[in-house]
Amino acid sequence: MAEEKLYRYELSCDGGLEDILIDELRQCLGKRVSGLREERGEVGRVFFDYEGSPRHLLALECAGGVSSIVLEMHDITVGDPGLEKIRHRLAKLPLTSMGRMARIAAEEIDVEGYRLRVRQRGAHRFSVTDTEAAVRKALAESGLSPSENGFDLELRLQKRRAQLKLSLRHRGRSGPVESEGLGSASIAAIIRMLDLDESDDTVLIQGRSDAALAAKRVCQGRVVCTSMRRPVRPTQHVIVSHPDHLPLGAGTMTTAIVVIGDQEMAQTGVQTGVSRLTQA
């Protein structure tokens, strides 16, 4: 039996940045992308077919999430027959193709294990808990068991349509933007939207070090990042400082991106950073 190939993908981003993500996708992959469709919302989603290496998708800076769509199911009824249809379809998965693809994102993947998220919307007569139990039963029938290092799977059931996705990159938020700041994909999209390049200098006030590194990769210019938090790991090619001690003298900068934090940080770090920048 021929091995089933996985050519359908989904990219995700913060809502409102879909056009920037599509522009990067088309610029990097051009005519190799087909069947492009987008869904706009709080989380923007871009669907398309692509037969090239997933490595090129993982190189996209503006994509917060990169997933392969393993299965698509239609006409899922709201009762038990619909749930049974999902379980039946999931009992036979293209595990060889899934393993090959997952290893591109993480070489140490456990191809006999899985992690699972279930998202459900619609007037179904079965609960999310029921759906998750059915999915786990089907995955067990495919020879998979729960594992922190296993396939990163998400079942998304929306009304009469369901998808099983294999996540190659999942940058879930640890909290709301107001308290945690914008992620690297969103900052990369803003830098791209502003059309900044190596001739531009950027100050990222109350930014995260991973976001500053993404900004550096996109624009190739100088990036100064101020933060109330100590970086988790050392950064290269990006200057990180406390808002009270901006490493700036006299001169000009092209862009200052202010990432609003919670109330305390907004009253201290952000205002201090903007004030210091204005004085400089």
Protein backbone atom coordinates (compact mmCIF):
# COMPACT_ATOMS: atom_id res chain seq x y z
CA MET A 1 0.00 0.00 0.00
CA ALA A 2 1.42 3.39 -1.04
CA GLU A 3 2.41 5.74 1.76
CA GLU A 4 -0.01 8.64 2.17
CA LYS A 5 1.65 12.00 1.62
CA LEU A 6 0.83 15.07 3.69
CA TYR A 7 0.61 18.21 1.56
CA ARG A 8 -2.03 20.32 3.32
CA TYR A 9 -0.82 22.90 5.87
CA GLU A 10 -2.06 25.58 8.22
CA LEU A 11 -0.17 28.66 9.39
CA SER A 12 -1.47 30.78 12.26
CA CYS A 13 -0.82 34.32 13.48
CA ASP A 14 -2.38 36.96 15.69
CA GLY A 15 -5.59 38.31 14.21
CA GLY A 16 -5.09 41.28 11.89
CA LEU A 17 -1.69 40.12 10.65
CA GLU A 18 -2.96 37.58 8.10
CA ASP A 19 -2.06 39.69 5.05
CA ILE A 20 1.53 40.11 6.26
CA LEU A 21 1.86 36.36 6.77
CA ILE A 22 0.42 35.62 3.32
CA ASP A 23 2.80 38.14 1.77
CA GLU A 24 5.80 36.43 3.39
CA LEU A 25 4.51 33.01 2.34
CA ARG A 26 4.12 34.06 -1.29
CA GLN A 27 7.45 35.86 -1.37
CA CYS A 28 9.34 32.86 0.03
CA LEU A 29 7.52 29.99 -1.72
CA GLY A 30 5.83 31.65 -4.70
CA LYS A 31 3.94 29.37 -7.10
CA ARG A 32 4.75 26.26 -5.07
CA VAL A 33 1.81 27.23 -2.84
CA SER A 34 -1.70 26.47 -4.13
CA GLY A 35 -5.27 26.33 -2.84
CA LEU A 36 -4.68 29.21 -0.44
CA ARG A 37 -7.56 30.05 1.90
CA GLU A 38 -7.67 32.24 5.00
CA GLU A 39 -9.82 32.46 8.11
CA ARG A 40 -9.76 35.75 10.00
CA GLY A 41 -10.41 36.05 13.70
CA GLU A 42 -8.66 36.53 17.02
CA VAL A 43 -6.27 33.90 15.67
CA GLY A 44 -5.72 34.21 11.93
CA ARG A 45 -5.33 30.97 9.96
CA VAL A 46 -3.97 30.42 6.46
CA PHE A 47 -4.55 27.08 4.70
CA PHE A 48 -2.76 25.90 1.56
CA ASP A 49 -1.24 22.97 -0.34
CA TYR A 50 2.52 22.67 -0.58
CA GLU A 51 4.63 19.74 -1.79
CA GLY A 52 8.07 21.07 -0.81
CA SER A 53 10.05 20.59 2.39
CA PRO A 54 8.39 21.74 5.64
CA ARG A 55 11.76 23.27 6.56
CA HIS A 56 10.87 26.24 4.35
CA LEU A 57 7.65 26.74 6.34
CA LEU A 58 9.53 26.64 9.64
CA ALA A 59 11.75 29.45 8.33
CA LEU A 60 8.77 31.83 8.05
CA GLU A 61 9.20 34.51 10.72
CA CYS A 62 5.59 35.76 10.72
CA ALA A 63 4.02 32.36 11.40
CA GLY A 64 3.32 31.74 15.07
CA GLY A 65 2.08 28.23 14.34
CA VAL A 66 2.94 25.75 11.57
CA SER A 67 0.84 22.60 11.28
CA SER A 68 0.34 19.74 8.86
CA ILE A 69 -3.31 18.79 8.37
CA VAL A 70 -3.31 15.01 8.75
CA LEU A 71 -7.04 14.43 8.32
CA GLU A 72 -10.07 16.48 7.32
CA MET A 73 -13.54 15.18 8.12
CA HIS A 74 -16.82 16.60 6.86
CA ASP A 75 -20.50 16.05 7.65
CA ILE A 76 -19.88 15.34 11.33
CA THR A 77 -23.35 15.07 12.84
CA VAL A 78 -24.10 16.51 16.28
CA GLY A 79 -24.88 13.19 17.95
CA ASP A 80 -23.09 9.94 18.75
CA PRO A 81 -22.80 8.84 15.08
CA GLY A 82 -20.70 11.96 14.44
CA LEU A 83 -18.41 11.11 17.33
CA GLU A 84 -18.10 7.53 16.10
CA LYS A 85 -17.20 8.81 12.62
CA ILE A 86 -14.33 10.81 14.11
CA ARG A 87 -13.09 7.81 16.09
CA HIS A 88 -13.28 5.53 13.04
CA ARG A 89 -11.34 7.95 10.81
CA LEU A 90 -8.62 8.44 13.42
CA ALA A 91 -8.04 4.74 13.95
CA LYS A 92 -5.82 4.53 10.85
CA LEU A 93 -3.26 7.31 10.63
CA PRO A 94 -0.34 7.80 8.17
CA LEU A 95 2.17 7.32 10.98
CA THR A 96 5.20 6.93 8.70
CA SER A 97 4.56 10.27 6.98
CA MET A 98 3.76 11.89 10.32
CA GLY A 99 7.00 10.64 11.84
CA ARG A 100 9.10 11.83 8.92
CA MET A 101 7.52 15.28 9.07
CA ALA A 102 7.70 15.61 12.86
CA ARG A 103 11.42 14.76 12.87
CA ILE A 104 12.08 17.81 10.69
CA ALA A 105 10.82 20.01 13.53
CA ALA A 106 12.20 17.91 16.41
CA GLU A 107 14.71 15.11 15.82
CA GLU A 108 14.07 13.52 19.22
CA ILE A 109 10.35 13.01 18.61
CA ASP A 110 8.75 9.93 20.16
CA VAL A 111 6.88 8.49 17.15
CA GLU A 112 4.94 6.09 19.36
CA GLY A 113 3.55 8.83 21.60
CA TYR A 114 1.37 11.93 21.41
CA ARG A 115 0.24 15.10 23.16
CA LEU A 116 -3.33 16.18 22.48
CA ARG A 117 -5.41 19.35 22.44
CA VAL A 118 -9.11 19.29 21.56
CA ARG A 119 -11.03 22.41 20.51
CA GLN A 120 -14.76 22.15 19.87
CA ARG A 121 -17.38 24.67 18.73
CA GLY A 122 -20.97 23.97 17.80
CA ALA A 123 -24.24 22.57 19.14
CA HIS A 124 -22.99 19.01 19.57
CA ARG A 125 -24.76 16.63 21.93
CA PHE A 126 -21.42 15.32 23.14
CA SER A 127 -18.96 17.31 25.26
CA VAL A 128 -15.31 18.16 24.70
CA THR A 129 -14.50 15.49 27.30
CA ASP A 130 -16.42 12.92 25.24
CA THR A 131 -14.57 13.97 22.10
CA GLU A 132 -11.18 13.76 23.80
CA ALA A 133 -11.96 10.29 25.15
CA ALA A 134 -12.97 9.10 21.66
CA VAL A 135 -9.82 10.56 20.11
CA ARG A 136 -7.56 8.98 22.71
CA LYS A 137 -9.23 5.61 22.13
CA ALA A 138 -8.65 5.93 18.38
CA LEU A 139 -5.02 6.92 18.87
CA ALA A 140 -4.52 3.88 21.10
CA GLU A 141 -5.93 1.72 18.30
CA SER A 142 -3.27 3.25 16.03
CA GLY A 143 -0.58 2.16 18.50
CA LEU A 144 0.05 5.55 20.13
CA SER A 145 0.19 6.35 23.83
CA PRO A 146 0.44 9.64 25.77
CA SER A 147 3.98 11.06 25.83
CA GLU A 148 5.41 14.54 26.44
CA ASN A 149 7.86 13.98 23.58
CA GLY A 150 5.30 12.52 21.18
CA PHE A 151 3.39 13.96 18.23
CA ASP A 152 1.90 17.38 19.06
CA LEU A 153 -1.69 16.79 17.90
CA GLU A 154 -4.75 19.01 17.87
CA LEU A 155 -8.27 17.98 16.95
CA ARG A 156 -10.38 20.96 15.94
CA LEU A 157 -14.12 20.30 15.63
CA GLN A 158 -16.13 23.23 14.32
CA LYS A 159 -19.80 22.51 13.66
CA ARG A 160 -19.86 19.77 10.97
CA ARG A 161 -16.15 19.81 10.11
CA ALA A 162 -13.20 18.32 11.97
CA GLN A 163 -9.45 18.44 11.43
CA LEU A 164 -6.59 16.55 13.00
CA LYS A 165 -3.43 18.66 12.89
CA LEU A 166 0.18 17.77 13.57
CA SER A 167 1.89 20.83 14.99
CA LEU A 168 5.45 21.48 13.81
CA ARG A 169 5.63 24.83 15.63
CA HIS A 170 3.23 25.82 18.37
CA ARG A 171 3.85 29.16 20.07
CA GLY A 172 0.96 29.20 22.46
CA ARG A 173 0.61 32.28 24.64
CA SER A 174 1.52 31.96 28.29
CA GLY A 175 -0.85 34.83 29.01
CA PRO A 176 -2.64 37.79 27.44
CA VAL A 177 -0.74 40.33 25.36
CA GLU A 178 -1.42 42.98 28.01
CA SER A 179 0.74 41.12 30.54
CA GLU A 180 3.09 39.00 28.44
CA GLY A 181 3.77 41.22 25.43
CA LEU A 182 3.75 40.37 21.74
CA GLY A 183 5.40 37.19 20.55
CA SER A 184 8.24 36.98 18.06
CA ALA A 185 5.98 36.22 15.08
CA SER A 186 3.86 39.32 15.69
CA ILE A 187 6.90 41.58 16.11
CA ALA A 188 8.39 40.11 12.91
CA ALA A 189 5.12 40.89 11.09
CA ILE A 190 5.15 44.49 12.36
CA ILE A 191 8.77 44.95 11.26
CA ARG A 192 7.87 43.53 7.85
CA MET A 193 4.76 45.72 7.61
CA LEU A 194 6.88 48.81 8.32
CA ASP A 195 9.30 47.69 5.58
CA LEU A 196 12.35 48.17 7.80
CA ASP A 197 15.77 47.04 6.57
CA GLU A 198 19.46 47.16 7.52
CA SER A 199 19.51 50.95 7.26
CA ASP A 200 16.92 51.29 10.05
CA ASP A 201 17.37 51.25 13.83
CA THR A 202 14.62 49.99 16.12
CA VAL A 203 13.86 50.33 19.83
CA LEU A 204 11.57 47.63 21.22
CA ILE A 205 10.26 48.95 24.55
CA GLN A 206 9.10 46.31 27.04
CA GLY A 207 9.88 43.60 24.51
CA ARG A 208 10.86 39.97 24.83
CA SER A 209 14.33 38.86 23.79
CA ASP A 210 12.97 36.26 21.35
CA ALA A 211 10.89 39.00 19.69
CA ALA A 212 13.95 41.25 19.45
CA LEU A 213 15.92 38.47 17.78
CA ALA A 214 13.09 37.95 15.28
CA ALA A 215 13.08 41.69 14.53
CA LYS A 216 16.83 41.51 13.94
CA ARG A 217 16.48 38.59 11.53
CA VAL A 218 13.78 40.34 9.50
CA CYS A 219 15.26 43.82 9.18
CA GLN A 220 19.00 43.15 9.68
CA GLY A 221 19.30 46.59 11.33
CA ARG A 222 20.23 47.52 14.89
CA VAL A 223 17.68 46.50 17.53
CA VAL A 224 17.63 47.77 21.12
CA CYS A 225 15.25 45.94 23.46
CA THR A 226 14.27 47.19 26.92
CA SER A 227 12.73 44.81 29.42
CA MET A 228 11.85 44.59 33.11
CA ARG A 229 12.62 40.84 32.91
CA ARG A 230 16.04 39.25 32.72
CA PRO A 231 16.49 37.29 29.44
CA VAL A 232 16.06 33.53 29.87
CA ARG A 233 19.14 32.91 27.74
CA PRO A 234 21.92 35.16 26.45
CA THR A 235 21.12 37.03 23.25
CA GLN A 236 23.47 37.87 20.43
CA HIS A 237 23.33 40.83 18.07
CA VAL A 238 20.59 42.47 20.18
CA ILE A 239 21.17 45.00 22.96
CA VAL A 240 18.93 44.32 25.97
CA SER A 241 18.69 46.90 28.76
CA HIS A 242 16.55 48.08 31.66
CA PRO A 243 14.22 50.99 30.70
CA ASP A 244 16.06 53.23 33.20
CA HIS A 245 19.34 52.75 31.35
CA LEU A 246 18.74 52.92 27.61
CA PRO A 247 22.09 52.51 25.80
CA LEU A 248 21.38 55.52 23.60
CA GLY A 249 23.15 58.79 23.13
CA ALA A 250 22.27 61.68 20.87
CA GLY A 251 20.94 60.73 17.45
CA THR A 252 17.87 59.35 15.77
CA MET A 253 16.13 56.01 15.46
CA THR A 254 13.70 54.98 12.75
CA THR A 255 11.18 53.14 14.90
CA ALA A 256 10.15 52.68 18.51
CA ILE A 257 7.74 49.79 19.10
CA VAL A 258 6.07 50.05 22.50
CA VAL A 259 4.69 46.79 23.86
CA ILE A 260 2.20 47.63 26.61
CA GLY A 261 2.52 45.50 29.71
CA ASP A 262 0.25 45.24 32.76
CA GLN A 263 -0.70 48.25 34.86
CA GLU A 264 2.45 48.32 36.98
CA MET A 265 4.76 47.90 34.00
CA ALA A 266 2.80 50.43 31.95
CA GLN A 267 3.17 52.98 34.73
CA THR A 268 6.89 52.37 35.20
CA GLY A 269 8.88 50.64 32.51
CA VAL A 270 6.99 51.79 29.42
CA GLN A 271 6.65 55.42 30.49
CA THR A 272 10.28 55.50 31.61
CA GLY A 273 11.43 53.98 28.34
CA VAL A 274 9.44 56.41 26.21
CA SER A 275 10.59 59.36 28.33
CA ARG A 276 14.24 58.32 28.10
CA LEU A 277 13.90 57.78 24.35
CA THR A 278 12.37 61.24 23.89
CA GLN A 279 15.17 62.83 25.91
CA ALA A 280 17.80 60.97 23.86
